Amino acid sequence: MISIRASLALLLSLLAPSYSFAAALAPATGRFIEATAHRAALMGPVAEAKAALGQPIFDPAQEARVLAVAARDGAAQGLAIAPYERFVAAQMALARGIQTRWTQPLSPLASPEAARAALSDLRRAIAATTAAQLTALTQALPLLPRQEAAFRESLQEALQAQGAQDGEISALAEAALALRFAPPAPEGLAALKARGTLRVGTTGDYAPFSYRTAEGTLAGIDIDLAEAFAKSLGLKLEWVETSWPTLTADLQRGAFDLALSGISRTLTRAAVPGSSFSEPYHRGGKAPIIRCADQTRFTTWEAIDQPGVRAVVNPGGTNEAFARSRYQQASLRVHEDNRTIFQEIAEGRADVMVTDLIEVQLWAGRDSRLCPALGAARLTYAEKGAWVAAPPESPLTTLFNLWLAQQQGSGALAERFRAHGVGP
């Protein structure tokens, strides 16, 4: 008795491309037919394993899963989805036919466990063979119409040897000859024009760049910038809500075309594949904000970072990264809502928060209880920019930089800052 694995290896070794038609076809077409024949050769052992397990030949749920994966994989290779689904459906019908007529077991399957293991092995082999078939198909596809007669004859010979019938083979050949590549999808700016919208991610919790008014509408410097940039491109603006903890993941999954939310240009963010930063539109850095009553107490960073000092920070962004790296002795608490975090200090539940100097200046101007701890001094240097979900050489990044330079040169950018109560 030999194992199903050994039988499978022997079976595939007998399928070397020795068909009489091989010389008449282009190599890619020959590889496609060879992979198709290999796949068909696996169907007998599949039938044997299913019989041992009492499973039906036709499994609609399994075929639906196969078809869904095929649509995804075919699209990834640039194939038109509907014709490729037709091809896969014809191939599954041919496979059912071979399984239904199978009468020559390769080796006994001693137990249900052995049958399940065999079926698992076979499905992995089918997946690998299907992947090889798809690769060969994308190479052979431009050649098939010119080799139609030889292709039909070769496919007939290869699949008859595996127990397929003429009608099944003919249907598969027709489906293969109807395959085509999908038109290329628009990319970059063309994709934006085709869609008609510019999707901009923003957190809505970081004044003066992006925040919500009492009425719940978005406002801020970055909101103004996004609206003006979309208008300059003739696109409708679509806001995408994001957050500091999810910002990078949202960019990577393509949730928006670019993000504007007072985002610091950092090496970590800039290193995210397929993304880029615009030129900076604001330069600043981190600074601490405290209660005005504590100004004589907190005159240096060393005075702030002391036991008993209660620091607070919003989660997920550069503020939290700074706080976790710089506080050595003060206690640190994460406050989830950036919109109410300054009340924690003003009302005495926390003593200090480190954020961007522009936000410190804004809130010190809004709430008479709050003051910068170190005046206009900064603890770090930082730049704000648009984070684009496209590489640096992309048209979107190039266009935003050009538009931004014009905004800076005309004075419009500085005016937007002043309109929101801060200097540029």
Protein backbone atom coordinates (compact mmCIF):
# COMPACT_ATOMS: atom_id res chain seq x y z
CA MET A 1 0.00 0.00 0.00
CA ILE A 2 1.31 3.47 -0.83
CA SER A 3 0.17 6.71 0.77
CA ILE A 4 -2.05 9.25 -0.97
CA ARG A 5 0.91 11.67 -0.88
CA ALA A 6 3.17 9.19 -2.65
CA SER A 7 0.41 8.42 -5.15
CA LEU A 8 -0.09 12.12 -5.80
CA ALA A 9 3.63 12.68 -6.39
CA LEU A 10 3.70 9.75 -8.82
CA LEU A 11 0.64 11.01 -10.63
CA LEU A 12 2.09 14.48 -11.13
CA SER A 13 5.44 13.10 -12.25
CA LEU A 14 3.63 11.34 -15.09
CA LEU A 15 2.28 14.66 -16.31
CA ALA A 16 5.53 16.08 -17.66
CA PRO A 17 4.88 18.15 -20.81
CA SER A 18 5.37 15.30 -23.26
CA TYR A 19 2.22 15.88 -25.28
CA SER A 20 2.58 15.77 -29.06
CA PHE A 21 1.28 19.32 -29.33
CA ALA A 22 3.97 20.92 -27.17
CA ALA A 23 6.20 22.01 -30.03
CA ALA A 24 3.30 23.66 -31.88
CA LEU A 25 2.50 26.09 -29.07
CA ALA A 26 4.22 29.06 -27.52
CA PRO A 27 5.89 28.10 -24.22
CA ALA A 28 3.42 30.12 -22.13
CA THR A 29 0.45 28.41 -23.79
CA GLY A 30 2.05 25.02 -23.20
CA ARG A 31 2.53 25.84 -19.52
CA PHE A 32 -1.10 26.93 -19.25
CA ILE A 33 -2.35 23.65 -20.73
CA GLU A 34 0.07 21.65 -18.59
CA ALA A 35 -1.17 23.34 -15.41
CA THR A 36 -4.79 22.81 -16.49
CA ALA A 37 -4.08 19.11 -17.02
CA HIS A 38 -2.32 18.85 -13.67
CA ARG A 39 -5.36 20.35 -11.98
CA ALA A 40 -7.68 17.90 -13.74
CA ALA A 41 -5.43 14.99 -12.68
CA LEU A 42 -6.07 15.83 -9.04
CA MET A 43 -9.82 15.39 -9.36
CA GLY A 44 -9.83 11.57 -9.17
CA PRO A 45 -8.03 11.49 -5.82
CA VAL A 46 -10.37 14.25 -4.61
CA ALA A 47 -13.35 12.05 -5.48
CA GLU A 48 -11.74 9.14 -3.62
CA ALA A 49 -11.21 11.23 -0.47
CA LYS A 50 -14.74 12.65 -0.62
CA ALA A 51 -16.21 9.16 -0.99
CA ALA A 52 -14.26 7.96 2.06
CA LEU A 53 -15.68 10.87 4.04
CA GLY A 54 -19.20 10.54 2.70
CA GLN A 55 -19.04 13.99 1.14
CA PRO A 56 -20.95 14.86 -2.06
CA ILE A 57 -19.12 15.64 -5.28
CA PHE A 58 -21.03 18.90 -5.69
CA ASP A 59 -20.46 21.30 -2.79
CA PRO A 60 -22.09 24.67 -3.63
CA ALA A 61 -20.55 26.45 -0.62
CA GLN A 62 -17.04 25.29 -1.49
CA GLU A 63 -17.50 26.24 -5.15
CA ALA A 64 -18.75 29.70 -4.12
CA ARG A 65 -15.60 30.17 -2.04
CA VAL A 66 -13.43 29.07 -4.95
CA LEU A 67 -15.23 31.47 -7.28
CA ALA A 68 -14.79 34.39 -4.85
CA VAL A 69 -11.07 33.73 -4.50
CA ALA A 70 -10.77 33.38 -8.27
CA ALA A 71 -12.43 36.76 -8.84
CA ARG A 72 -10.00 38.39 -6.43
CA ASP A 73 -6.92 36.67 -7.84
CA GLY A 74 -7.94 37.24 -11.46
CA ALA A 75 -8.52 40.92 -10.82
CA ALA A 76 -5.11 41.15 -9.15
CA GLN A 77 -3.59 39.83 -12.39
CA GLY A 78 -5.47 42.42 -14.44
CA LEU A 79 -8.06 40.05 -15.90
CA ALA A 80 -11.63 41.09 -16.61
CA ILE A 81 -13.59 39.52 -13.76
CA ALA A 82 -16.73 38.20 -15.50
CA PRO A 83 -14.90 36.22 -18.25
CA TYR A 84 -12.50 34.76 -15.70
CA GLU A 85 -15.40 33.71 -13.45
CA ARG A 86 -16.92 31.97 -16.50
CA PHE A 87 -13.61 30.15 -17.09
CA VAL A 88 -13.36 29.05 -13.44
CA ALA A 89 -17.00 27.89 -13.46
CA ALA A 90 -16.31 25.79 -16.61
CA GLN A 91 -13.23 24.34 -14.95
CA MET A 92 -15.23 23.41 -11.85
CA ALA A 93 -17.89 21.74 -14.05
CA LEU A 94 -15.14 19.73 -15.76
CA ALA A 95 -13.73 18.79 -12.34
CA ARG A 96 -17.16 17.59 -11.15
CA GLY A 97 -17.48 15.46 -14.27
CA ILE A 98 -14.13 13.77 -13.69
CA GLN A 99 -14.95 13.18 -10.02
CA THR A 100 -18.36 11.72 -10.84
CA ARG A 101 -16.86 9.22 -13.30
CA TRP A 102 -13.84 8.29 -11.14
CA THR A 103 -13.57 4.49 -10.69
CA GLN A 104 -9.83 3.90 -10.19
CA PRO A 105 -8.73 4.58 -6.60
CA LEU A 106 -5.01 5.17 -6.28
CA SER A 107 -4.73 3.58 -2.84
CA PRO A 108 -7.08 2.64 0.01
CA LEU A 109 -7.76 5.33 2.59
CA ALA A 110 -7.59 3.49 5.90
CA SER A 111 -9.56 5.94 8.06
CA PRO A 112 -11.56 9.16 8.00
CA GLU A 113 -8.50 10.92 9.45
CA ALA A 114 -6.41 9.72 6.50
CA ALA A 115 -9.12 10.86 4.08
CA ARG A 116 -9.32 14.30 5.67
CA ALA A 117 -5.54 14.65 5.56
CA ALA A 118 -5.53 13.55 1.93
CA LEU A 119 -8.27 16.02 1.00
CA SER A 120 -6.39 18.82 2.76
CA ASP A 121 -3.20 17.93 0.85
CA LEU A 122 -5.09 17.77 -2.41
CA ARG A 123 -6.70 21.17 -1.92
CA ARG A 124 -3.30 22.72 -1.23
CA ALA A 125 -2.00 21.08 -4.41
CA ILE A 126 -5.01 22.38 -6.34
CA ALA A 127 -4.39 25.91 -5.03
CA ALA A 128 -0.72 25.76 -6.05
CA THR A 129 -1.57 24.38 -9.47
CA THR A 130 -4.27 27.00 -9.98
CA ALA A 131 -1.77 29.75 -9.11
CA ALA A 132 0.67 28.35 -11.70
CA GLN A 133 -2.16 28.14 -14.22
CA LEU A 134 -3.12 31.78 -13.63
CA THR A 135 0.47 32.96 -14.02
CA ALA A 136 0.84 31.06 -17.30
CA LEU A 137 -2.55 32.32 -18.47
CA THR A 138 -1.63 35.99 -18.14
CA GLN A 139 1.44 35.31 -20.29
CA ALA A 140 -0.42 33.18 -22.85
CA LEU A 141 -3.56 35.29 -23.14
CA PRO A 142 -2.34 37.58 -25.95
CA LEU A 143 -1.31 34.49 -27.94
CA LEU A 144 -4.46 32.36 -27.68
CA PRO A 145 -6.46 33.96 -30.54
CA ARG A 146 -3.54 33.40 -32.92
CA GLN A 147 -3.12 29.78 -31.82
CA GLU A 148 -6.80 28.87 -31.49
CA ALA A 149 -6.79 25.67 -33.53
CA ALA A 150 -3.63 24.29 -31.94
CA PHE A 151 -4.83 25.39 -28.50
CA ARG A 152 -8.18 23.59 -28.84
CA GLU A 153 -6.52 20.41 -30.12
CA SER A 154 -3.87 20.47 -27.42
CA LEU A 155 -6.33 21.10 -24.61
CA GLN A 156 -8.55 18.28 -25.91
CA GLU A 157 -5.67 15.82 -25.91
CA ALA A 158 -4.42 16.83 -22.45
CA LEU A 159 -7.81 16.75 -20.70
CA GLN A 160 -9.15 13.60 -22.38
CA ALA A 161 -6.18 11.81 -20.85
CA GLN A 162 -7.49 12.87 -17.42
CA GLY A 163 -11.04 11.61 -18.00
CA ALA A 164 -12.75 14.79 -19.18
CA GLN A 165 -15.46 14.56 -21.82
CA ASP A 166 -15.71 16.48 -25.08
CA GLY A 167 -18.51 18.82 -23.98
CA GLU A 168 -16.67 19.76 -20.78
CA ILE A 169 -13.44 20.39 -22.66
CA SER A 170 -15.17 22.42 -25.35
CA ALA A 171 -16.89 24.63 -22.75
CA LEU A 172 -13.54 25.23 -21.03
CA ALA A 173 -11.83 26.06 -24.33
CA GLU A 174 -14.57 28.53 -25.25
CA ALA A 175 -14.28 30.19 -21.86
CA ALA A 176 -10.49 30.39 -22.14
CA LEU A 177 -10.69 31.99 -25.59
CA ALA A 178 -13.16 34.57 -24.24
CA LEU A 179 -10.75 35.71 -21.52
CA ARG A 180 -9.40 39.24 -21.73
CA PHE A 181 -7.55 41.79 -19.68
CA ALA A 182 -9.56 44.48 -17.90
CA PRO A 183 -9.06 48.08 -19.00
CA PRO A 184 -6.41 49.69 -16.81
CA ALA A 185 -7.87 51.49 -13.83
CA PRO A 186 -7.14 55.20 -13.66
CA GLU A 187 -4.35 56.11 -11.28
CA GLY A 188 -3.25 59.19 -9.40
CA LEU A 189 -4.93 62.41 -10.42
CA ALA A 190 -6.85 60.64 -13.19
CA ALA A 191 -8.48 58.42 -10.57
CA LEU A 192 -9.48 61.47 -8.54
CA LYS A 193 -10.95 63.14 -11.62
CA ALA A 194 -12.84 59.96 -12.53
CA ARG A 195 -14.22 59.72 -9.00
CA GLY A 196 -14.92 63.45 -8.79
CA THR A 197 -14.00 63.70 -5.11
CA LEU A 198 -10.96 64.39 -2.96
CA ARG A 199 -11.09 62.33 0.24
CA VAL A 200 -9.36 64.08 3.15
CA GLY A 201 -8.80 62.45 6.53
CA THR A 202 -9.00 64.62 9.64
CA THR A 203 -9.40 64.04 13.39
CA GLY A 204 -11.60 67.05 14.19
CA ASP A 205 -10.07 67.37 17.66
CA TYR A 206 -6.98 69.53 17.24
CA ALA A 207 -7.56 73.29 17.23
CA PRO A 208 -6.58 75.49 15.47
CA PHE A 209 -5.93 73.00 12.66
CA SER A 210 -9.00 70.74 12.76
CA TYR A 211 -11.84 70.91 15.28
CA ARG A 212 -15.60 70.86 15.56
CA THR A 213 -17.64 73.93 16.41
CA ALA A 214 -20.42 73.96 18.99
CA GLU A 215 -22.76 73.14 16.11
CA GLY A 216 -20.69 70.08 15.21
CA THR A 217 -19.28 71.36 11.92
CA LEU A 218 -15.60 71.02 11.05
CA ALA A 219 -13.49 74.18 11.27
CA GLY A 220 -9.83 75.12 11.42
CA ILE A 221 -6.82 76.03 9.33
CA ASP A 222 -6.57 72.58 7.74
CA ILE A 223 -10.28 72.50 7.01
CA ASP A 224 -9.87 75.76 5.09
CA LEU A 225 -6.81 74.40 3.26
CA ALA A 226 -8.56 71.19 2.21
CA GLU A 227 -11.62 73.04 0.95
CA ALA A 228 -9.52 75.47 -1.07
CA PHE A 229 -7.27 72.74 -2.52
CA ALA A 230 -10.22 70.57 -3.59
CA LYS A 231 -11.83 73.59 -5.23
CA SER A 232 -8.61 74.37 -7.12
CA LEU A 233 -8.71 70.83 -8.59
CA GLY A 234 -12.39 71.07 -9.46
CA LEU A 235 -13.21 68.23 -7.06
CA LYS A 236 -15.88 67.77 -4.43
CA LEU A 237 -14.42 67.47 -0.93
CA GLU A 238 -15.25 64.34 1.06
CA TRP A 239 -14.25 64.28 4.74
CA VAL A 240 -13.09 60.99 6.25
CA GLU A 241 -13.11 60.78 10.03
CA THR A 242 -9.90 59.37 11.52
CA SER A 243 -8.13 59.48 14.89
CA TRP A 244 -4.57 59.76 16.09
CA PRO A 245 -4.32 56.08 17.13
CA THR A 246 -5.73 54.90 13.76
CA LEU A 247 -4.28 57.56 11.45
CA THR A 248 -1.45 55.43 10.02
CA ALA A 249 -3.63 52.35 9.57
CA ASP A 250 -6.35 54.41 7.88
CA LEU A 251 -3.80 55.86 5.46
CA GLN A 252 -2.39 52.40 4.67
CA ARG A 253 -5.81 50.94 3.91
CA GLY A 254 -6.59 53.78 1.50
CA ALA A 255 -9.34 55.41 3.56
CA PHE A 256 -8.38 58.84 2.21
CA ASP A 257 -6.23 60.49 -0.47
CA LEU A 258 -4.46 62.77 2.00
CA ALA A 259 -4.77 63.74 5.64
CA LEU A 260 -4.82 67.28 7.03
CA SER A 261 -5.12 67.61 10.78
CA GLY A 262 -2.07 69.44 12.12
CA ILE A 263 -0.01 66.33 11.37
CA SER A 264 3.66 66.44 12.32
CA ARG A 265 6.13 65.41 9.64
CA THR A 266 8.03 62.58 11.35
CA LEU A 267 10.51 60.03 10.04
CA THR A 268 8.28 57.19 11.22
CA ARG A 269 5.31 58.49 9.26
CA ALA A 270 7.40 59.41 6.24
CA ALA A 271 8.75 55.85 6.13
CA VAL A 272 5.27 54.33 5.65
CA PRO A 273 5.42 52.69 2.19
CA GLY A 274 3.43 54.40 -0.55
CA SER A 275 3.04 57.66 1.35
CA SER A 276 4.68 61.08 1.34
CA PHE A 277 4.52 64.43 3.08
CA SER A 278 3.94 67.78 1.49
CA GLU A 279 6.30 70.65 2.15
CA PRO A 280 5.66 72.11 5.63
CA TYR A 281 3.05 74.83 6.01
CA HIS A 282 3.82 75.45 9.70
CA ARG A 283 6.98 75.19 11.82
CA GLY A 284 6.76 74.90 15.57
CA GLY A 285 7.46 72.36 18.29
CA LYS A 286 6.35 70.95 21.62
CA ALA A 287 5.73 73.16 24.63
CA PRO A 288 4.06 72.68 28.04
CA ILE A 289 0.79 74.33 29.07
CA ILE A 290 -0.06 74.79 32.76
CA ARG A 291 -2.34 76.78 35.04
CA CYS A 292 -1.27 80.41 35.21
CA ALA A 293 -1.20 80.07 38.99
CA ASP A 294 1.72 77.62 38.63
CA GLN A 295 3.97 79.82 36.49
CA THR A 296 6.43 80.47 39.28
CA ARG A 297 6.46 76.76 40.14
CA PHE A 298 7.12 75.45 36.62
CA THR A 299 9.86 77.63 35.12
CA THR A 300 11.96 74.82 33.59
CA TRP A 301 11.42 71.33 32.23
CA GLU A 302 13.29 69.94 35.24
CA ALA A 303 10.80 71.64 37.54
CA ILE A 304 7.92 70.08 35.60
CA ASP A 305 9.31 66.54 35.55
CA GLN A 306 9.16 65.98 39.30
CA PRO A 307 7.41 63.45 41.55
CA GLY A 308 3.90 64.60 42.40
CA VAL A 309 3.41 66.49 39.13
CA ARG A 310 0.39 65.17 37.23
CA ALA A 311 0.91 65.17 33.48
CA VAL A 312 -1.87 64.43 31.02
CA VAL A 313 -1.72 63.57 27.32
CA ASN A 314 -4.00 62.66 24.42
CA PRO A 315 -3.45 59.19 22.88
CA GLY A 316 -1.86 57.99 19.70
CA GLY A 317 0.07 60.90 18.23
CA THR A 318 3.36 62.72 18.66
CA ASN A 319 2.20 64.21 21.98
CA GLU A 320 1.99 60.77 23.56
CA ALA A 321 5.27 59.69 21.98
CA PHE A 322 7.00 62.76 23.45
CA ALA A 323 5.42 62.31 26.88
CA ARG A 324 6.39 58.65 27.18
CA SER A 325 9.95 59.34 26.14
CA ARG A 326 10.59 62.48 28.24
CA TYR A 327 8.79 62.17 31.55
CA GLN A 328 11.01 60.37 34.05
CA GLN A 329 9.48 61.27 37.42
CA ALA A 330 6.11 62.98 36.88
CA SER A 331 3.06 60.73 36.66
CA LEU A 332 1.40 60.44 33.24
CA ARG A 333 -2.27 59.86 32.48
CA VAL A 334 -3.86 59.39 29.05
CA HIS A 335 -7.04 61.41 28.51
CA GLU A 336 -9.00 60.01 25.57
CA ASP A 337 -10.80 63.17 24.44
CA ASN A 338 -8.49 65.81 23.00
CA ARG A 339 -11.39 68.29 22.92
CA THR A 340 -11.71 68.37 26.73
CA ILE A 341 -8.14 67.67 27.79
CA PHE A 342 -7.30 71.30 28.58
CA GLN A 343 -10.17 71.44 31.06
CA GLU A 344 -8.32 68.76 33.04
CA ILE A 345 -5.54 71.30 33.70
CA ALA A 346 -7.72 74.38 34.08
CA GLU A 347 -9.96 72.65 36.62
CA GLY A 348 -7.08 71.16 38.62
CA ARG A 349 -7.34 67.47 37.75
CA ALA A 350 -3.93 67.61 36.01
CA ASP A 351 -0.97 69.99 36.17
CA VAL A 352 0.63 70.00 32.74
CA MET A 353 0.26 68.87 29.14
CA VAL A 354 2.87 69.02 26.40
CA THR A 355 1.51 69.75 22.94
CA ASP A 356 2.41 71.90 19.96
CA LEU A 357 3.26 75.49 20.84
CA ILE A 358 0.58 76.81 18.47
CA GLU A 359 -2.08 74.87 20.41
CA VAL A 360 -0.62 76.09 23.71
CA GLN A 361 -0.89 79.69 22.48
CA LEU A 362 -4.43 79.13 21.22
CA TRP A 363 -5.76 77.69 24.48
CA ALA A 364 -3.91 80.22 26.61
CA GLY A 365 -5.75 82.87 24.62
CA ARG A 366 -9.10 81.10 25.02
CA ASP A 367 -8.95 80.31 28.75
CA SER A 368 -7.52 82.89 31.18
CA ARG A 369 -6.66 80.11 33.64
CA LEU A 370 -4.10 78.58 31.24
CA CYS A 371 -0.60 79.81 30.37
CA PRO A 372 2.50 78.61 28.51
CA ALA A 373 4.97 77.28 31.07
CA LEU A 374 8.08 78.44 29.22
CA GLY A 375 6.79 81.46 27.31
CA ALA A 376 7.52 81.10 23.60
CA ALA A 377 10.27 78.52 24.15
CA ARG A 378 9.94 75.09 22.50
CA LEU A 379 11.14 71.73 23.76
CA THR A 380 11.41 70.31 20.23
CA TYR A 381 11.24 71.39 16.60
CA ALA A 382 8.41 70.12 14.41
CA GLU A 383 6.77 70.80 11.06
CA LYS A 384 3.17 70.34 9.93
CA GLY A 385 2.33 69.01 6.50
CA ALA A 386 -0.28 67.15 4.48
CA TRP A 387 0.23 63.38 4.67
CA VAL A 388 -0.49 62.04 1.19
CA ALA A 389 -1.46 58.41 0.56
CA ALA A 390 0.83 58.29 -2.49
CA PRO A 391 4.61 58.25 -3.09
CA PRO A 392 6.64 61.48 -3.22
CA GLU A 393 6.70 61.59 -7.02
CA SER A 394 2.92 61.27 -7.27
CA PRO A 395 0.92 63.96 -9.11
CA LEU A 396 -1.15 64.61 -5.99
CA THR A 397 1.89 65.40 -3.83
CA THR A 398 3.41 67.54 -6.58
CA LEU A 399 0.19 69.48 -7.11
CA PHE A 400 -0.36 70.07 -3.40
CA ASN A 401 3.19 71.39 -3.02
CA LEU A 402 2.74 73.74 -5.98
CA TRP A 403 -0.60 74.96 -4.66
CA LEU A 404 0.85 75.39 -1.15
CA ALA A 405 3.76 77.48 -2.46
CA GLN A 406 1.25 79.77 -4.16
CA GLN A 407 -0.77 80.06 -0.94
CA GLN A 408 2.36 81.00 0.99
CA GLY A 409 3.64 83.43 -1.63
CA SER A 410 0.32 85.25 -1.95
CA GLY A 411 -0.13 85.66 1.80
CA ALA A 412 -3.33 83.57 1.78
CA LEU A 413 -1.83 80.98 4.12
CA ALA A 414 -0.84 83.55 6.73
CA GLU A 415 -4.32 85.03 6.51
CA ARG A 416 -5.87 81.62 7.25
CA PHE A 417 -3.76 81.33 10.41
CA ARG A 418 -4.73 84.81 11.58
CA ALA A 419 -8.39 84.06 10.93
CA HIS A 420 -8.17 81.25 13.49
CA GLY A 421 -6.47 83.34 16.14
CA VAL A 422 -2.83 82.37 15.70
CA GLY A 423 0.19 83.55 13.78
CA PRO A 424 1.52 81.54 10.82
